[in-house]
Amino acid sequence: MADPRFFSRGQPISIAQIIETTGASVDGDVKLSTEITDVAPLETATVGNITFLENRRYAEAVRSSKATACFLPSTLVHKAPKAMIKLVTEFPRRSYSKISQLLYKSESASANIHEAARISDLAILGQDCRIEAGVMIGAFCEIGDCCWIGANTSIDAGVIIGNGTRVGSNVSISHSKIGKNCFIYPGVRIGQPGFGFEIDSSGPIEMPQLGRVLIGNNVEIGANSTVDRGAGPDTMIGSGTRIDNLVQIGHNVEIGKGCVIVAQVGISGSTKIGDRSIVGGQVGLAGHLTIGSDVKIAAQSGVTRNVKDGSIIGGSPAVPISEFRRQVARIKLLGRRNSTE
């Protein structure tokens, strides 16, 4: 059960509503009016809870689970207790997520402008916004309707933020245009100068960073991530993309729509990533690369060459995933041989 001090649970929902929402089918005869009051993991679920089973390695846990209902694939239905309502779906975790969202609505806040916020008279502020203590909003900023700006956040002159976007506490934003319904988590830095300079005998010469950061709609940027503004061309992040915590995005980078960038990734300047690509944790991408659409990059890979659409790669330097697995297998074999000598 989620701690009620932090999370507010909604009204119970029936099995019939769950089926309608997720498209899952019921195994056997079930009372569709049965109500579900909460979501919970297999091990802690109790009567009135719904859970899910997706990975076969947790099949034994479902046998002893007290949950009233469970999302699971057809291949694992026989593992569940007879009394448990079995909701069959190809995507148990996805269905569980949808019901979690129904029971626990996204956090919202009442409109209010704190007296300790400092908003320029030349800024445009939309309706029903919440602006918390210590916020600084510069001249000629445009903040859309129903935005929520967290405490001690600084939004520099000229920044545009779309309707319904939430910006966490201690964020700094400059030289940027951000779309609708985005979530910028605490500590994010957007729009600072990129790491660009020339070198001569006297040392580094700063290259003016004259571009912007353009972020689409429904984008999330995780805590303490950084997005540098472009040097001339703009840095761009496509709609629907999800960026985890502690990600570094260099100047002129272009990230497509619906991408997933996992924690501690570093993307060097001027690299382009196509739509729906997934970059695993701690991946490093060299500069000026073109990464195609629907690409998957394994965690801790080092990418130094262009990657075609639909590729799955891993390793450092990154190679096709089948080749990477052969490399790992050979290294393990070599280790075994050395240990027997």
Protein backbone atom coordinates (compact mmCIF):
# COMPACT_ATOMS: atom_id res chain seq x y z
CA MET A 1 0.00 0.00 0.00
CA ALA A 2 1.33 3.42 -0.96
CA ASP A 3 1.95 5.78 1.96
CA PRO A 4 -1.14 8.05 2.16
CA ARG A 5 1.04 10.93 3.38
CA PHE A 6 2.49 11.16 -0.11
CA PHE A 7 0.01 9.48 -2.45
CA SER A 8 -3.75 9.92 -2.73
CA ARG A 9 -5.73 6.86 -3.82
CA GLY A 10 -8.94 7.18 -5.80
CA GLN A 11 -12.17 5.21 -5.71
CA PRO A 12 -12.23 1.41 -6.16
CA ILE A 13 -12.68 0.09 -9.68
CA SER A 14 -14.46 -3.06 -10.81
CA ILE A 15 -13.05 -5.95 -12.78
CA ALA A 16 -15.35 -4.93 -15.62
CA GLN A 17 -13.74 -1.47 -15.69
CA ILE A 18 -10.29 -3.02 -15.60
CA ILE A 19 -11.10 -5.22 -18.60
CA GLU A 20 -12.46 -2.23 -20.50
CA THR A 21 -9.37 -0.13 -19.70
CA THR A 22 -6.69 -2.73 -20.45
CA GLY A 23 -8.26 -5.08 -22.96
CA ALA A 24 -7.30 -8.08 -20.82
CA SER A 25 -9.45 -11.22 -20.95
CA VAL A 26 -10.66 -13.23 -17.97
CA ASP A 27 -9.74 -16.86 -17.46
CA GLY A 28 -12.82 -18.73 -16.21
CA ASP A 29 -16.04 -17.47 -14.65
CA VAL A 30 -15.56 -14.28 -12.68
CA LYS A 31 -17.84 -11.84 -10.89
CA LEU A 32 -17.22 -8.70 -12.94
CA SER A 33 -18.54 -6.42 -10.20
CA THR A 34 -15.68 -7.43 -7.87
CA GLU A 35 -13.91 -4.26 -6.77
CA ILE A 36 -10.17 -3.58 -6.70
CA THR A 37 -9.04 -1.02 -4.16
CA ASP A 38 -5.27 -0.90 -4.67
CA VAL A 39 -2.25 -2.13 -6.63
CA ALA A 40 0.63 -4.04 -5.03
CA PRO A 41 3.57 -6.36 -5.82
CA LEU A 42 3.01 -10.11 -5.71
CA GLU A 43 4.67 -10.55 -2.33
CA THR A 44 2.77 -7.83 -0.45
CA ALA A 45 -0.60 -7.85 -2.20
CA THR A 46 -3.67 -8.57 -0.06
CA VAL A 47 -7.40 -9.01 -0.57
CA GLY A 48 -8.73 -6.22 -2.78
CA ASN A 49 -5.36 -5.69 -4.51
CA ILE A 50 -4.38 -6.32 -8.11
CA THR A 51 -0.86 -7.39 -9.05
CA PHE A 52 0.98 -8.68 -12.12
CA LEU A 53 3.23 -11.56 -13.18
CA GLU A 54 5.35 -11.09 -16.28
CA ASN A 55 8.61 -12.94 -15.70
CA ARG A 56 8.58 -16.70 -15.30
CA ARG A 57 11.23 -16.52 -12.57
CA TYR A 58 8.60 -15.01 -10.23
CA ALA A 59 6.03 -17.70 -10.97
CA GLU A 60 6.42 -19.32 -7.56
CA ALA A 61 5.65 -15.99 -5.84
CA VAL A 62 2.20 -15.89 -7.42
CA ARG A 63 1.28 -19.25 -5.83
CA SER A 64 1.36 -17.72 -2.35
CA SER A 65 0.12 -14.25 -3.29
CA LYS A 66 -3.03 -13.01 -1.51
CA ALA A 67 -3.99 -10.64 -4.35
CA THR A 68 -7.59 -10.68 -5.53
CA ALA A 69 -6.57 -10.33 -9.17
CA CYS A 70 -3.44 -10.65 -11.30
CA PHE A 71 -2.41 -9.66 -14.81
CA LEU A 72 -0.41 -12.46 -16.40
CA PRO A 73 0.30 -14.08 -19.78
CA SER A 74 -1.64 -17.16 -20.87
CA THR A 75 1.48 -19.32 -20.45
CA LEU A 76 1.54 -18.64 -16.69
CA VAL A 77 -2.17 -18.84 -15.85
CA HIS A 78 -1.74 -22.32 -14.38
CA LYS A 79 0.70 -20.94 -11.79
CA ALA A 80 -1.90 -18.69 -10.13
CA PRO A 81 -4.12 -19.83 -7.20
CA LYS A 82 -7.55 -21.08 -8.15
CA ALA A 83 -9.35 -18.31 -6.23
CA MET A 84 -7.34 -15.50 -7.86
CA ILE A 85 -8.96 -13.60 -10.72
CA LYS A 86 -6.66 -14.18 -13.68
CA LEU A 87 -6.56 -11.33 -16.21
CA VAL A 88 -4.81 -12.61 -19.30
CA THR A 89 -2.80 -10.15 -21.37
CA GLU A 90 0.32 -10.13 -23.52
CA PHE A 91 1.58 -7.10 -21.59
CA PRO A 92 0.97 -7.59 -17.83
CA ARG A 93 3.21 -4.73 -16.68
CA ARG A 94 1.61 -2.31 -19.13
CA SER A 95 -1.88 -3.24 -17.96
CA TYR A 96 -0.82 -2.90 -14.32
CA SER A 97 0.55 0.59 -15.09
CA LYS A 98 -2.77 1.68 -16.57
CA ILE A 99 -4.69 0.59 -13.48
CA SER A 100 -2.12 2.23 -11.21
CA GLN A 101 -2.75 5.50 -13.04
CA LEU A 102 -6.49 5.13 -12.53
CA LEU A 103 -6.16 4.53 -8.80
CA TYR A 104 -3.42 7.11 -8.24
CA LYS A 105 -3.99 10.25 -10.27
CA SER A 106 -1.04 12.47 -11.12
CA GLU A 107 -0.19 14.96 -8.41
CA SER A 108 -1.80 18.35 -8.96
CA ALA A 109 -1.68 21.66 -7.19
CA SER A 110 -4.06 24.55 -6.75
CA ALA A 111 -3.29 27.76 -8.60
CA ASN A 112 -1.28 30.18 -6.50
CA ILE A 113 1.54 32.68 -6.90
CA HIS A 114 3.70 32.76 -3.79
CA GLU A 115 4.50 36.19 -2.42
CA ALA A 116 8.21 35.30 -2.43
CA ALA A 117 8.24 34.65 -6.21
CA ARG A 118 9.72 37.35 -8.44
CA ILE A 119 8.02 37.69 -11.82
CA SER A 120 8.98 40.40 -14.31
CA ASP A 121 6.26 42.85 -15.23
CA LEU A 122 7.19 42.08 -18.84
CA ALA A 123 6.55 38.35 -18.50
CA ILE A 124 3.28 36.76 -19.65
CA LEU A 125 1.78 34.30 -17.17
CA GLY A 126 -1.09 32.00 -18.15
CA GLN A 127 -4.18 31.20 -16.13
CA ASP A 128 -4.31 28.84 -13.12
CA CYS A 129 -0.54 28.55 -12.64
CA ARG A 130 1.21 27.62 -9.42
CA ILE A 131 4.41 29.56 -8.83
CA GLU A 132 6.24 28.60 -5.64
CA ALA A 133 8.55 30.51 -3.30
CA GLY A 134 11.85 31.80 -4.68
CA VAL A 135 10.93 31.42 -8.35
CA MET A 136 12.50 33.99 -10.69
CA ILE A 137 10.83 34.62 -14.07
CA GLY A 138 12.55 37.06 -16.40
CA ALA A 139 11.31 39.63 -18.89
CA PHE A 140 9.46 38.51 -22.01
CA CYS A 141 8.96 34.95 -20.72
CA GLU A 142 5.73 33.24 -21.75
CA ILE A 143 4.36 30.71 -19.27
CA GLY A 144 1.29 28.78 -20.45
CA ASP A 145 -1.92 27.94 -18.60
CA CYS A 146 -1.91 25.48 -15.67
CA CYS A 147 1.88 25.37 -15.31
CA TRP A 148 3.53 24.47 -12.00
CA ILE A 149 6.93 26.02 -11.30
CA GLY A 150 8.76 24.60 -8.26
CA ALA A 151 10.56 26.51 -5.53
CA ASN A 152 13.78 28.39 -6.28
CA THR A 153 13.62 27.77 -10.01
CA SER A 154 15.10 30.38 -12.34
CA ILE A 155 13.58 31.01 -15.78
CA ASP A 156 15.63 33.52 -17.75
CA ALA A 157 14.36 36.19 -20.12
CA GLY A 158 12.57 35.10 -23.27
CA VAL A 159 11.90 31.47 -22.31
CA ILE A 160 8.60 30.00 -23.55
CA ILE A 161 6.86 27.17 -21.65
CA GLY A 162 3.68 25.50 -22.95
CA ASN A 163 0.40 24.76 -21.18
CA GLY A 164 0.34 22.17 -18.43
CA THR A 165 4.10 21.83 -18.07
CA ARG A 166 5.53 21.17 -14.63
CA VAL A 167 9.01 22.38 -13.68
CA GLY A 168 10.50 21.03 -10.45
CA SER A 169 12.42 22.88 -7.78
CA ASN A 170 15.93 24.31 -8.25
CA VAL A 171 15.78 24.17 -12.04
CA SER A 172 17.44 26.71 -14.31
CA ILE A 173 16.16 27.35 -17.84
CA SER A 174 17.45 29.79 -20.44
CA HIS A 175 17.46 30.18 -24.24
CA SER A 176 14.65 27.62 -24.54
CA LYS A 177 11.21 26.87 -25.89
CA ILE A 178 9.45 24.02 -24.06
CA GLY A 179 6.23 22.39 -25.23
CA LYS A 180 2.99 21.39 -23.52
CA ASN A 181 2.54 18.85 -20.71
CA CYS A 182 6.24 18.34 -20.08
CA PHE A 183 7.78 17.41 -16.74
CA ILE A 184 11.17 18.91 -15.93
CA TYR A 185 12.38 17.26 -12.72
CA PRO A 186 14.28 18.99 -9.89
CA GLY A 187 17.80 20.17 -10.50
CA VAL A 188 17.66 20.11 -14.31
CA ARG A 189 19.76 22.66 -16.23
CA ILE A 190 18.51 23.63 -19.68
CA GLY A 191 20.04 26.16 -22.05
CA GLN A 192 23.50 26.71 -20.62
CA PRO A 193 26.36 27.16 -23.11
CA GLY A 194 27.68 24.04 -24.76
CA PHE A 195 31.27 22.84 -24.42
CA GLY A 196 32.59 24.54 -27.55
CA PHE A 197 35.95 26.18 -28.12
CA GLU A 198 38.96 26.36 -30.43
CA ILE A 199 42.54 25.97 -29.27
CA ASP A 200 45.61 27.93 -30.31
CA SER A 201 49.01 28.54 -28.73
CA SER A 202 47.45 30.75 -26.07
CA GLY A 203 44.96 28.08 -25.01
CA PRO A 204 41.20 27.56 -25.46
CA ILE A 205 39.20 30.23 -27.31
CA GLU A 206 35.51 30.26 -26.44
CA MET A 207 33.09 29.68 -29.32
CA PRO A 208 29.89 31.71 -28.85
CA GLN A 209 26.90 29.41 -28.30
CA LEU A 210 24.17 31.21 -30.24
CA GLY A 211 21.48 28.52 -30.53
CA ARG A 212 18.51 27.48 -28.40
CA VAL A 213 16.97 24.39 -26.84
CA LEU A 214 13.70 23.30 -28.44
CA ILE A 215 11.69 20.68 -26.53
CA GLY A 216 8.49 19.11 -27.89
CA ASN A 217 5.29 18.19 -26.09
CA ASN A 218 4.94 15.51 -23.38
CA VAL A 219 8.67 15.26 -22.72
CA GLU A 220 10.17 14.26 -19.36
CA ILE A 221 13.69 15.24 -18.30
CA GLY A 222 14.97 13.50 -15.16
CA ALA A 223 16.55 15.03 -12.10
CA ASN A 224 19.95 16.74 -12.45
CA SER A 225 20.15 16.20 -16.19
CA THR A 226 21.67 18.90 -18.40
CA VAL A 227 20.70 20.05 -21.89
CA ASP A 228 23.15 22.46 -23.55
CA ARG A 229 21.88 25.03 -26.00
CA GLY A 230 23.04 24.89 -29.59
CA ALA A 231 26.13 26.61 -30.90
CA GLY A 232 24.27 27.91 -33.95
CA PRO A 233 21.81 25.20 -34.86
CA ASP A 234 19.43 24.41 -32.01
CA THR A 235 19.50 21.49 -29.60
CA MET A 236 16.22 19.61 -30.12
CA ILE A 237 14.27 16.97 -28.19
CA GLY A 238 11.24 15.42 -29.89
CA SER A 239 7.76 15.00 -28.44
CA GLY A 240 7.11 12.03 -26.16
CA THR A 241 10.76 11.41 -25.33
CA ARG A 242 11.72 10.27 -21.82
CA ILE A 243 15.10 11.22 -20.39
CA ASP A 244 16.24 9.69 -17.09
CA ASN A 245 18.29 11.27 -14.29
CA LEU A 246 21.88 12.47 -14.72
CA VAL A 247 21.91 12.57 -18.51
CA GLN A 248 24.20 14.99 -20.39
CA ILE A 249 22.98 16.27 -23.77
CA GLY A 250 25.55 18.33 -25.66
CA HIS A 251 25.06 21.28 -27.98
CA ASN A 252 23.32 20.79 -31.34
CA VAL A 253 22.13 17.29 -30.37
CA GLU A 254 18.86 16.21 -31.99
CA ILE A 255 16.78 13.52 -30.29
CA GLY A 256 13.72 12.22 -32.13
CA LYS A 257 10.19 11.48 -30.96
CA GLY A 258 9.36 8.79 -28.42
CA CYS A 259 12.96 8.00 -27.44
CA VAL A 260 14.07 6.60 -24.07
CA ILE A 261 17.43 7.78 -22.71
CA VAL A 262 18.41 5.95 -19.51
CA ALA A 263 20.44 7.36 -16.60
CA GLN A 264 24.05 8.56 -16.91
CA VAL A 265 24.07 8.66 -20.71
CA GLY A 266 26.37 11.22 -22.31
CA ILE A 267 25.54 12.46 -25.82
CA SER A 268 28.28 14.52 -27.45
CA GLY A 269 27.62 17.56 -29.57
CA SER A 270 25.88 17.44 -32.96
CA THR A 271 24.85 13.78 -32.68
CA LYS A 272 21.41 12.94 -34.06
CA ILE A 273 19.18 10.16 -32.72
CA GLY A 274 16.12 9.00 -34.67
CA ASP A 275 12.60 8.33 -33.42
CA ARG A 276 11.75 5.62 -30.85
CA SER A 277 15.35 4.71 -30.10
CA ILE A 278 16.41 3.38 -26.69
CA VAL A 279 19.79 4.21 -25.15
CA GLY A 280 20.76 2.09 -22.11
CA GLY A 281 22.33 3.37 -18.92
CA GLN A 282 25.87 4.80 -18.94
CA VAL A 283 26.15 4.77 -22.73
CA GLY A 284 28.55 7.28 -24.27
CA LEU A 285 27.97 8.59 -27.79
CA ALA A 286 30.73 10.39 -29.67
CA GLY A 287 29.99 13.63 -31.46
CA HIS A 288 28.62 14.19 -34.98
CA LEU A 289 27.06 10.72 -35.23
CA THR A 290 23.78 9.74 -36.87
CA ILE A 291 21.84 7.12 -34.89
CA GLY A 292 18.83 5.79 -36.77
CA SER A 293 15.24 5.26 -35.68
CA ASP A 294 14.18 2.21 -33.61
CA VAL A 295 17.77 1.60 -32.49
CA LYS A 296 18.58 -0.15 -29.19
CA ILE A 297 21.92 0.45 -27.49
CA ALA A 298 22.94 -1.84 -24.61
CA ALA A 299 24.02 -0.36 -21.28
CA GLN A 300 27.62 0.88 -20.88
CA SER A 301 28.26 0.85 -24.62
CA GLY A 302 30.58 3.29 -26.33
CA VAL A 303 29.23 4.39 -29.71
CA THR A 304 31.78 5.80 -32.16
CA ARG A 305 30.17 5.13 -35.55
CA ASN A 306 26.85 5.86 -37.26
CA VAL A 307 24.09 3.33 -36.60
CA LYS A 308 21.42 2.23 -39.09
CA ASP A 309 17.67 2.12 -38.40
CA GLY A 310 16.52 -0.83 -36.31
CA SER A 311 20.01 -1.87 -35.18
CA ILE A 312 20.69 -3.46 -31.79
CA ILE A 313 24.25 -2.82 -30.64
CA GLY A 314 26.43 -3.23 -27.55
CA GLY A 315 30.00 -3.07 -26.30
CA SER A 316 32.77 -0.50 -26.45
CA PRO A 317 33.32 0.22 -29.22
CA ALA A 318 29.73 -0.78 -29.96
CA VAL A 319 29.13 -3.56 -32.50
CA PRO A 320 26.02 -5.55 -33.53
CA ILE A 321 24.64 -7.25 -30.42
CA SER A 322 25.26 -10.78 -31.73
CA GLU A 323 28.93 -9.97 -32.28
CA PHE A 324 29.16 -8.37 -28.83
CA ARG A 325 27.76 -11.53 -27.23
CA ARG A 326 30.32 -13.67 -29.07
CA GLN A 327 33.08 -11.38 -27.80
CA VAL A 328 31.88 -11.76 -24.22
CA ALA A 329 31.63 -15.55 -24.59
CA ARG A 330 35.20 -15.75 -25.94
CA ILE A 331 36.55 -13.62 -23.09
CA LYS A 332 34.83 -15.91 -20.56
CA LEU A 333 36.25 -18.98 -22.31
CA LEU A 334 39.74 -17.46 -22.28
CA GLY A 335 39.38 -16.79 -18.55
CA ARG A 336 38.42 -20.40 -17.89
CA ARG A 337 41.39 -21.69 -19.87
CA ASN A 338 43.80 -19.45 -17.96
CA SER A 339 42.40 -20.60 -14.62
CA THR A 340 43.07 -24.25 -15.47
CA GLU A 341 46.68 -23.71 -16.56
